[in-house]
């Protein structure tokens, strides 16, 4: 998929250092992920291998030759009854936020998840991350849960919202 100068393609092992930098920036500077310990390249390699072994996609958004974002989806929960529900993740390089790339990535996930026969797509978003919540709502996601003070980072309690999109009508 391509939009102007942004291309979305399958991630490859050579992309992992860039994916790692983007993810570690999110750990260090944002509440997009409730992690506090930086990941290593070995951790990203294991994550990527697990995604591939499980048959779940990892995509990168590329501008020219530069990886400027990545996304994936996987199981919402590992119990068989949830097998048609998936949860996604989207991360952007800080220099490329607010440029519509997140929308391209989420739309890519929606289309692929629907084509794969998934029924529901879940987004777990920090309650203070209003741009991400608005983006998801503009794509048809609805808020279904607001968990208060379930995370702790940067010396404060964090609220988590779950939004969902029903991909296949019954």
N, C-alpha and C. Protein backbone atom coordinates (compact mmCIF):
# COMPACT_ATOMS: atom_id res chain seq x y z
N UNK A 1 0.85 -1.18 0.00
CA UNK A 1 0.00 0.00 0.00
C UNK A 1 0.89 1.24 0.00
N UNK A 2 0.47 2.25 -0.72
CA UNK A 2 1.25 3.48 -0.79
C UNK A 2 0.32 4.69 -0.79
N UNK A 3 0.69 5.73 -0.08
CA UNK A 3 -0.06 6.99 -0.06
C UNK A 3 0.95 8.11 -0.14
N UNK A 4 0.94 8.82 -1.27
CA UNK A 4 1.93 9.87 -1.54
C UNK A 4 3.34 9.30 -1.37
N UNK A 5 4.06 9.73 -0.37
CA UNK A 5 5.42 9.26 -0.20
C UNK A 5 5.56 8.23 0.93
N UNK A 6 4.44 7.73 1.44
CA UNK A 6 4.47 6.70 2.49
C UNK A 6 4.05 5.37 1.87
N UNK A 7 4.86 4.35 2.09
CA UNK A 7 4.54 2.99 1.66
C UNK A 7 4.39 2.12 2.89
N UNK A 8 3.38 1.27 2.89
CA UNK A 8 3.21 0.28 3.95
C UNK A 8 3.55 -1.08 3.35
N UNK A 9 4.47 -1.76 4.00
CA UNK A 9 4.90 -3.07 3.51
C UNK A 9 5.15 -4.01 4.68
N UNK A 10 5.27 -5.29 4.36
CA UNK A 10 5.61 -6.26 5.38
C UNK A 10 6.97 -5.90 5.98
N UNK A 11 7.06 -6.03 7.29
CA UNK A 11 8.34 -5.79 7.96
C UNK A 11 9.28 -6.95 7.67
N UNK A 12 10.56 -6.65 7.71
CA UNK A 12 11.59 -7.68 7.57
C UNK A 12 12.60 -7.51 8.69
N UNK A 13 13.42 -8.51 8.86
CA UNK A 13 14.39 -8.50 9.96
C UNK A 13 15.26 -7.24 9.95
N UNK A 14 15.60 -6.75 8.77
CA UNK A 14 16.45 -5.55 8.68
C UNK A 14 15.76 -4.31 9.24
N UNK A 15 14.43 -4.35 9.38
CA UNK A 15 13.68 -3.21 9.93
C UNK A 15 13.69 -3.17 11.45
N UNK A 16 14.09 -4.26 12.07
CA UNK A 16 13.95 -4.36 13.53
C UNK A 16 14.71 -3.29 14.31
N UNK A 17 15.91 -2.86 13.92
CA UNK A 17 16.55 -1.77 14.68
C UNK A 17 15.72 -0.48 14.66
N UNK A 18 15.04 -0.19 13.55
CA UNK A 18 14.20 1.01 13.46
C UNK A 18 12.93 0.84 14.28
N UNK A 19 12.35 -0.35 14.21
CA UNK A 19 11.18 -0.67 15.03
C UNK A 19 11.54 -0.53 16.50
N UNK A 20 12.71 -1.04 16.87
CA UNK A 20 13.19 -0.94 18.25
C UNK A 20 13.32 0.52 18.69
N UNK A 21 13.91 1.37 17.85
CA UNK A 21 14.07 2.79 18.20
C UNK A 21 12.71 3.46 18.43
N UNK A 22 11.75 3.17 17.54
CA UNK A 22 10.42 3.77 17.67
C UNK A 22 9.75 3.28 18.95
N UNK A 23 9.84 1.98 19.22
CA UNK A 23 9.21 1.42 20.41
C UNK A 23 9.87 1.96 21.68
N UNK A 24 11.19 2.00 21.69
CA UNK A 24 11.88 2.50 22.89
C UNK A 24 11.59 3.98 23.13
N UNK A 25 11.40 4.76 22.08
CA UNK A 25 11.00 6.15 22.26
C UNK A 25 9.64 6.20 22.95
N UNK A 26 8.72 5.34 22.53
CA UNK A 26 7.40 5.29 23.16
C UNK A 26 7.50 4.91 24.64
N UNK A 27 8.39 3.98 24.95
CA UNK A 27 8.59 3.59 26.35
C UNK A 27 9.11 4.78 27.16
N UNK A 28 10.10 5.45 26.64
CA UNK A 28 10.78 6.53 27.36
C UNK A 28 9.95 7.79 27.50
N UNK A 29 9.16 8.12 26.48
CA UNK A 29 8.55 9.44 26.43
C UNK A 29 7.03 9.48 26.44
N UNK A 30 6.35 8.33 26.34
CA UNK A 30 4.89 8.37 26.20
C UNK A 30 4.21 7.34 27.09
N UNK A 31 2.91 7.45 27.13
CA UNK A 31 2.10 6.43 27.80
C UNK A 31 1.40 5.55 26.77
N UNK A 32 1.91 5.51 25.55
CA UNK A 32 1.35 4.65 24.52
C UNK A 32 1.55 3.18 24.88
N UNK A 33 2.56 2.91 25.68
CA UNK A 33 2.82 1.56 26.17
C UNK A 33 3.18 1.68 27.65
N UNK A 34 2.60 0.80 28.46
CA UNK A 34 2.85 0.85 29.90
C UNK A 34 4.06 -0.01 30.25
N UNK A 35 5.15 0.27 29.58
CA UNK A 35 6.44 -0.36 29.83
C UNK A 35 7.36 0.70 30.39
N UNK A 36 8.32 0.28 31.20
CA UNK A 36 9.30 1.23 31.74
C UNK A 36 10.73 0.84 31.41
N UNK A 37 10.92 -0.41 31.02
CA UNK A 37 12.26 -0.91 30.72
C UNK A 37 12.44 -0.95 29.21
N UNK A 38 13.51 -0.36 28.73
CA UNK A 38 13.78 -0.36 27.30
C UNK A 38 13.96 -1.79 26.79
N UNK A 39 13.52 -2.00 25.58
CA UNK A 39 13.70 -3.31 24.95
C UNK A 39 15.05 -3.36 24.25
N UNK A 40 15.52 -4.58 24.07
CA UNK A 40 16.77 -4.82 23.36
C UNK A 40 16.45 -5.34 21.96
N UNK A 41 17.44 -5.33 21.10
CA UNK A 41 17.25 -5.87 19.77
C UNK A 41 16.88 -7.36 19.85
N UNK A 42 17.47 -8.06 20.79
CA UNK A 42 17.15 -9.48 20.95
C UNK A 42 15.68 -9.67 21.32
N UNK A 43 15.14 -8.79 22.13
CA UNK A 43 13.72 -8.87 22.50
C UNK A 43 12.83 -8.62 21.27
N UNK A 44 13.20 -7.64 20.45
CA UNK A 44 12.43 -7.35 19.23
C UNK A 44 12.54 -8.52 18.24
N UNK A 45 13.70 -9.14 18.17
CA UNK A 45 13.87 -10.30 17.28
C UNK A 45 12.98 -11.45 17.74
N UNK A 46 12.92 -11.69 19.04
CA UNK A 46 12.05 -12.76 19.57
C UNK A 46 10.58 -12.43 19.31
N UNK A 47 10.20 -11.18 19.52
CA UNK A 47 8.83 -10.73 19.25
C UNK A 47 8.46 -10.95 17.79
N UNK A 48 9.37 -10.56 16.89
CA UNK A 48 9.14 -10.69 15.45
C UNK A 48 9.02 -12.16 15.06
N UNK A 49 9.90 -12.99 15.59
CA UNK A 49 9.85 -14.43 15.30
C UNK A 49 8.54 -15.04 15.78
N UNK A 50 8.07 -14.62 16.95
CA UNK A 50 6.79 -15.12 17.48
C UNK A 50 5.63 -14.68 16.60
N UNK A 51 5.64 -13.43 16.17
CA UNK A 51 4.59 -12.94 15.26
C UNK A 51 4.57 -13.79 13.99
N UNK A 52 5.73 -14.03 13.41
CA UNK A 52 5.81 -14.81 12.18
C UNK A 52 5.35 -16.24 12.41
N UNK A 53 5.78 -16.85 13.51
CA UNK A 53 5.41 -18.23 13.80
C UNK A 53 3.91 -18.37 14.04
N UNK A 54 3.29 -17.33 14.59
CA UNK A 54 1.86 -17.35 14.89
C UNK A 54 1.01 -16.93 13.70
N UNK A 55 1.64 -16.48 12.64
CA UNK A 55 0.91 -16.06 11.46
C UNK A 55 0.29 -14.68 11.55
N UNK A 56 0.77 -13.87 12.48
CA UNK A 56 0.26 -12.51 12.61
C UNK A 56 1.21 -11.53 11.92
N UNK A 57 0.65 -10.51 11.27
CA UNK A 57 1.46 -9.60 10.47
C UNK A 57 2.17 -8.53 11.29
N UNK A 58 3.27 -8.06 10.74
CA UNK A 58 3.94 -6.85 11.21
C UNK A 58 4.22 -6.04 9.95
N UNK A 59 3.78 -4.80 9.94
CA UNK A 59 4.00 -3.91 8.80
C UNK A 59 4.80 -2.70 9.24
N UNK A 60 5.49 -2.12 8.29
CA UNK A 60 6.18 -0.85 8.53
C UNK A 60 5.67 0.19 7.55
N UNK A 61 5.64 1.42 8.02
CA UNK A 61 5.39 2.57 7.16
C UNK A 61 6.75 3.13 6.82
N UNK A 62 6.99 3.30 5.52
CA UNK A 62 8.30 3.72 5.04
C UNK A 62 8.14 4.99 4.21
N UNK A 63 9.02 5.94 4.49
CA UNK A 63 9.11 7.16 3.68
C UNK A 63 10.48 7.14 3.03
N UNK A 64 10.50 6.98 1.73
CA UNK A 64 11.78 6.77 1.05
C UNK A 64 12.31 5.42 1.49
N UNK A 65 13.43 5.43 2.16
CA UNK A 65 14.00 4.19 2.71
C UNK A 65 13.89 4.16 4.24
N UNK A 66 13.30 5.20 4.83
CA UNK A 66 13.26 5.34 6.28
C UNK A 66 11.98 4.74 6.87
N UNK A 67 12.12 3.85 7.85
CA UNK A 67 10.98 3.32 8.58
C UNK A 67 10.51 4.41 9.54
N UNK A 68 9.25 4.82 9.40
CA UNK A 68 8.73 5.92 10.21
C UNK A 68 7.58 5.47 11.12
N UNK A 69 7.24 4.20 11.06
CA UNK A 69 6.19 3.66 11.92
C UNK A 69 6.04 2.18 11.69
N UNK A 70 5.33 1.53 12.60
CA UNK A 70 5.05 0.11 12.43
C UNK A 70 3.74 -0.23 13.13
N UNK A 71 3.18 -1.35 12.71
CA UNK A 71 1.94 -1.81 13.32
C UNK A 71 1.84 -3.31 13.23
N UNK A 72 0.96 -3.85 14.05
CA UNK A 72 0.73 -5.29 14.08
C UNK A 72 -0.60 -5.54 14.75
N UNK A 73 -1.05 -6.77 14.68
CA UNK A 73 -2.15 -7.21 15.51
C UNK A 73 -1.93 -8.65 15.90
N UNK A 74 -2.64 -9.05 16.94
CA UNK A 74 -2.50 -10.41 17.44
C UNK A 74 -3.67 -10.75 18.34
N UNK A 75 -3.57 -11.87 19.02
CA UNK A 75 -4.69 -12.32 19.85
C UNK A 75 -5.07 -11.30 20.92
N UNK A 76 -6.38 -11.15 21.13
CA UNK A 76 -6.86 -10.33 22.23
C UNK A 76 -6.63 -11.07 23.55
N UNK A 77 -7.02 -12.30 23.57
CA UNK A 77 -6.75 -13.22 24.68
C UNK A 77 -6.50 -14.59 24.06
N UNK A 78 -5.79 -15.43 24.76
CA UNK A 78 -5.38 -16.70 24.18
C UNK A 78 -6.37 -17.84 24.35
N UNK A 79 -7.54 -17.58 24.86
CA UNK A 79 -8.53 -18.65 25.01
C UNK A 79 -9.28 -18.84 23.70
N UNK A 80 -9.67 -20.09 23.38
CA UNK A 80 -10.30 -20.38 22.09
C UNK A 80 -11.54 -19.54 21.77
N UNK A 81 -12.32 -19.19 22.76
CA UNK A 81 -13.54 -18.43 22.51
C UNK A 81 -13.28 -17.03 21.98
N UNK A 82 -12.04 -16.54 22.12
CA UNK A 82 -11.68 -15.20 21.63
C UNK A 82 -10.97 -15.24 20.27
N UNK A 83 -10.96 -16.40 19.61
CA UNK A 83 -10.14 -16.57 18.42
C UNK A 83 -10.50 -15.66 17.25
N UNK A 84 -11.67 -15.03 17.27
CA UNK A 84 -12.05 -14.12 16.18
C UNK A 84 -11.92 -12.65 16.59
N UNK A 85 -11.28 -12.42 17.74
CA UNK A 85 -11.06 -11.06 18.23
C UNK A 85 -9.56 -10.82 18.30
N UNK A 86 -9.12 -9.70 17.73
CA UNK A 86 -7.70 -9.37 17.73
C UNK A 86 -7.51 -7.95 18.28
N UNK A 87 -6.32 -7.72 18.79
CA UNK A 87 -5.95 -6.40 19.33
C UNK A 87 -4.76 -5.89 18.53
N UNK A 88 -4.78 -4.60 18.23
CA UNK A 88 -3.71 -4.05 17.40
C UNK A 88 -2.85 -3.03 18.14
N UNK A 89 -1.69 -2.77 17.54
CA UNK A 89 -0.74 -1.78 18.05
C UNK A 89 -0.21 -0.97 16.88
N UNK A 90 -0.05 0.32 17.11
CA UNK A 90 0.49 1.22 16.10
C UNK A 90 1.46 2.17 16.79
N UNK A 91 2.65 2.31 16.23
CA UNK A 91 3.66 3.21 16.79
C UNK A 91 4.30 4.01 15.66
N UNK A 92 4.51 5.28 15.90
CA UNK A 92 5.12 6.16 14.91
C UNK A 92 6.37 6.83 15.47
N UNK A 93 7.31 7.09 14.58
CA UNK A 93 8.46 7.91 14.97
C UNK A 93 7.92 9.28 15.37
N UNK A 94 8.47 9.90 16.41
CA UNK A 94 7.94 11.19 16.86
C UNK A 94 7.92 12.26 15.77
N UNK A 95 8.87 12.21 14.87
CA UNK A 95 8.94 13.20 13.80
C UNK A 95 7.83 13.02 12.75
N UNK A 96 7.11 11.91 12.82
CA UNK A 96 6.09 11.61 11.81
C UNK A 96 4.68 11.50 12.40
N UNK A 97 4.52 11.91 13.63
CA UNK A 97 3.18 11.90 14.23
C UNK A 97 2.39 13.09 13.72
N UNK A 98 1.08 12.93 13.63
CA UNK A 98 0.21 14.01 13.20
C UNK A 98 0.22 14.27 11.70
N UNK A 99 0.72 13.32 10.92
CA UNK A 99 0.81 13.49 9.47
C UNK A 99 -0.10 12.53 8.71
N UNK A 100 -0.98 11.83 9.43
CA UNK A 100 -1.90 10.91 8.76
C UNK A 100 -1.38 9.50 8.59
N UNK A 101 -0.16 9.24 9.03
CA UNK A 101 0.43 7.92 8.86
C UNK A 101 -0.25 6.91 9.78
N UNK A 102 -0.59 7.34 10.99
CA UNK A 102 -1.31 6.46 11.91
C UNK A 102 -2.62 5.99 11.31
N UNK A 103 -3.33 6.90 10.66
CA UNK A 103 -4.60 6.54 9.99
C UNK A 103 -4.35 5.48 8.91
N UNK A 104 -3.31 5.68 8.10
CA UNK A 104 -2.99 4.70 7.06
C UNK A 104 -2.73 3.33 7.66
N UNK A 105 -1.99 3.31 8.75
CA UNK A 105 -1.65 2.03 9.39
C UNK A 105 -2.89 1.36 9.99
N UNK A 106 -3.74 2.12 10.68
CA UNK A 106 -4.94 1.54 11.27
C UNK A 106 -5.88 1.04 10.17
N UNK A 107 -6.03 1.82 9.10
CA UNK A 107 -6.87 1.37 7.98
C UNK A 107 -6.33 0.08 7.38
N UNK A 108 -5.01 -0.03 7.28
CA UNK A 108 -4.38 -1.24 6.75
C UNK A 108 -4.71 -2.44 7.65
N UNK A 109 -4.60 -2.23 8.95
CA UNK A 109 -4.93 -3.30 9.90
C UNK A 109 -6.39 -3.71 9.76
N UNK A 110 -7.29 -2.73 9.73
CA UNK A 110 -8.72 -3.02 9.62
C UNK A 110 -9.00 -3.89 8.40
N UNK A 111 -8.48 -3.46 7.25
CA UNK A 111 -8.73 -4.20 6.01
C UNK A 111 -8.20 -5.62 6.08
N UNK A 112 -6.99 -5.77 6.57
CA UNK A 112 -6.38 -7.10 6.65
C UNK A 112 -7.11 -7.99 7.66
N UNK A 113 -7.39 -7.43 8.83
CA UNK A 113 -8.08 -8.22 9.86
C UNK A 113 -9.44 -8.69 9.36
N UNK A 114 -10.14 -7.83 8.65
CA UNK A 114 -11.45 -8.19 8.07
C UNK A 114 -11.28 -9.29 7.03
N UNK A 115 -10.31 -9.14 6.14
CA UNK A 115 -10.05 -10.15 5.10
C UNK A 115 -9.69 -11.51 5.70
N UNK A 116 -9.07 -11.50 6.87
CA UNK A 116 -8.68 -12.74 7.52
C UNK A 116 -9.81 -13.40 8.30
N UNK A 117 -10.99 -12.77 8.27
CA UNK A 117 -12.16 -13.36 8.92
C UNK A 117 -12.28 -13.05 10.39
N UNK A 118 -11.54 -12.08 10.87
CA UNK A 118 -11.69 -11.67 12.27
C UNK A 118 -13.01 -10.94 12.43
N UNK A 119 -13.57 -11.02 13.63
CA UNK A 119 -14.88 -10.43 13.87
C UNK A 119 -14.79 -9.07 14.57
N UNK A 120 -13.85 -8.94 15.52
CA UNK A 120 -13.72 -7.70 16.30
C UNK A 120 -12.26 -7.31 16.39
N UNK A 121 -12.02 -6.01 16.27
CA UNK A 121 -10.68 -5.43 16.43
C UNK A 121 -10.71 -4.53 17.65
N UNK A 122 -9.77 -4.76 18.56
CA UNK A 122 -9.70 -4.02 19.83
C UNK A 122 -8.50 -3.07 19.80
N UNK A 123 -8.71 -1.87 20.36
CA UNK A 123 -7.63 -0.92 20.57
C UNK A 123 -7.58 -0.59 22.06
N UNK A 124 -6.45 -0.81 22.69
CA UNK A 124 -6.22 -0.39 24.07
C UNK A 124 -5.42 0.89 24.04
N UNK A 125 -6.01 2.00 24.51
CA UNK A 125 -5.39 3.32 24.38
C UNK A 125 -5.39 4.03 25.73
N UNK A 126 -4.26 4.61 26.09
CA UNK A 126 -4.20 5.43 27.29
C UNK A 126 -5.27 6.51 27.21
N UNK A 127 -6.02 6.69 28.29
CA UNK A 127 -7.17 7.60 28.28
C UNK A 127 -6.80 9.05 27.98
N UNK A 128 -5.56 9.44 28.20
CA UNK A 128 -5.14 10.81 27.92
C UNK A 128 -4.62 11.01 26.50
N UNK A 129 -4.57 9.95 25.73
CA UNK A 129 -4.06 10.03 24.36
C UNK A 129 -5.22 10.35 23.42
N UNK A 130 -5.70 11.57 23.53
CA UNK A 130 -6.90 12.01 22.81
C UNK A 130 -6.74 11.90 21.29
N UNK A 131 -5.61 12.28 20.69
CA UNK A 131 -5.51 12.14 19.23
C UNK A 131 -5.73 10.70 18.75
N UNK A 132 -5.20 9.73 19.47
CA UNK A 132 -5.39 8.33 19.07
C UNK A 132 -6.84 7.89 19.25
N UNK A 133 -7.45 8.32 20.34
CA UNK A 133 -8.86 7.99 20.57
C UNK A 133 -9.71 8.59 19.46
N UNK A 134 -9.48 9.84 19.11
CA UNK A 134 -10.25 10.50 18.04
C UNK A 134 -10.03 9.82 16.69
N UNK A 135 -8.79 9.45 16.42
CA UNK A 135 -8.49 8.74 15.17
C UNK A 135 -9.32 7.46 15.08
N UNK A 136 -9.28 6.67 16.15
CA UNK A 136 -10.02 5.41 16.14
C UNK A 136 -11.52 5.64 16.01
N UNK A 137 -12.03 6.62 16.72
CA UNK A 137 -13.47 6.92 16.61
C UNK A 137 -13.83 7.34 15.19
N UNK A 138 -12.97 8.09 14.53
CA UNK A 138 -13.25 8.52 13.15
C UNK A 138 -13.27 7.34 12.19
N UNK A 139 -12.67 6.23 12.59
CA UNK A 139 -12.65 5.03 11.76
C UNK A 139 -13.74 4.03 12.17
N UNK A 140 -14.63 4.46 13.09
CA UNK A 140 -15.76 3.62 13.45
C UNK A 140 -15.63 2.86 14.76
N UNK A 141 -14.51 3.01 15.46
CA UNK A 141 -14.35 2.36 16.75
C UNK A 141 -15.25 3.05 17.78
N UNK A 142 -15.77 2.28 18.73
CA UNK A 142 -16.54 2.84 19.83
C UNK A 142 -15.88 2.44 21.15
N UNK A 143 -15.96 3.36 22.10
CA UNK A 143 -15.41 3.07 23.43
C UNK A 143 -16.31 2.07 24.14
N UNK A 144 -15.71 1.02 24.67
CA UNK A 144 -16.48 -0.01 25.37
C UNK A 144 -16.05 -0.21 26.82
N UNK A 145 -14.91 0.38 27.21
CA UNK A 145 -14.45 0.25 28.59
C UNK A 145 -13.49 1.38 28.93
N UNK A 146 -13.55 1.79 30.19
CA UNK A 146 -12.61 2.78 30.73
C UNK A 146 -12.14 2.23 32.07
N UNK A 147 -10.92 1.70 32.07
CA UNK A 147 -10.34 1.13 33.29
C UNK A 147 -9.56 2.22 34.01
N UNK A 148 -9.95 2.53 35.20
CA UNK A 148 -9.33 3.62 35.95
C UNK A 148 -8.13 3.12 36.76
N UNK A 149 -7.03 3.87 36.65
CA UNK A 149 -5.82 3.67 37.43
C UNK A 149 -5.28 2.24 37.36
N UNK A 150 -5.31 1.65 36.16
CA UNK A 150 -4.80 0.28 35.99
C UNK A 150 -3.32 0.24 35.62
N UNK A 151 -2.78 1.38 35.20
CA UNK A 151 -1.37 1.47 34.86
C UNK A 151 -0.67 2.48 35.74
N UNK A 152 0.65 2.35 35.83
CA UNK A 152 1.45 3.30 36.60
C UNK A 152 2.74 3.57 35.84
N UNK A 153 2.98 4.83 35.54
CA UNK A 153 4.18 5.22 34.80
C UNK A 153 4.40 6.72 35.02
N UNK A 154 5.62 7.14 34.98
CA UNK A 154 5.99 8.54 35.16
C UNK A 154 5.47 9.09 36.49
N UNK A 155 5.41 8.24 37.51
CA UNK A 155 5.01 8.68 38.84
C UNK A 155 3.52 8.96 39.00
N UNK A 156 2.70 8.42 38.12
CA UNK A 156 1.26 8.67 38.24
C UNK A 156 0.46 7.47 37.73
N UNK A 157 -0.77 7.42 38.20
CA UNK A 157 -1.70 6.38 37.76
C UNK A 157 -2.26 6.72 36.39
N UNK A 158 -2.46 5.67 35.59
CA UNK A 158 -2.93 5.85 34.22
C UNK A 158 -4.24 5.09 34.00
N UNK A 159 -5.14 5.69 33.25
CA UNK A 159 -6.39 5.05 32.86
C UNK A 159 -6.22 4.49 31.45
N UNK A 160 -6.86 3.35 31.22
CA UNK A 160 -6.81 2.69 29.92
C UNK A 160 -8.21 2.57 29.36
N UNK A 161 -8.36 2.95 28.09
CA UNK A 161 -9.64 2.79 27.41
C UNK A 161 -9.53 1.66 26.39
N UNK A 162 -10.61 0.90 26.28
CA UNK A 162 -10.73 -0.09 25.21
C UNK A 162 -11.75 0.44 24.22
N UNK A 163 -11.38 0.44 22.96
CA UNK A 163 -12.29 0.75 21.88
C UNK A 163 -12.37 -0.48 20.99
N UNK A 164 -13.52 -0.68 20.36
CA UNK A 164 -13.65 -1.82 19.49
C UNK A 164 -14.31 -1.45 18.18
N UNK A 165 -14.00 -2.23 17.17
CA UNK A 165 -14.64 -2.11 15.87
C UNK A 165 -15.11 -3.50 15.48
N UNK A 166 -16.40 -3.63 15.22
CA UNK A 166 -16.93 -4.90 14.75
C UNK A 166 -16.68 -4.94 13.24
N UNK A 167 -15.90 -5.93 12.82
CA UNK A 167 -15.45 -6.04 11.43
C UNK A 167 -16.45 -6.79 10.56
N UNK A 168 -17.11 -7.75 11.14
CA UNK A 168 -18.06 -8.59 10.40
C UNK A 168 -19.38 -8.56 11.13
N UNK A 169 -20.42 -8.13 10.47
CA UNK A 169 -21.73 -8.14 11.10
C UNK A 169 -22.26 -9.56 11.14
N UNK A 170 -22.93 -9.91 12.23
CA UNK A 170 -23.46 -11.28 12.39
C UNK A 170 -24.58 -11.56 11.44
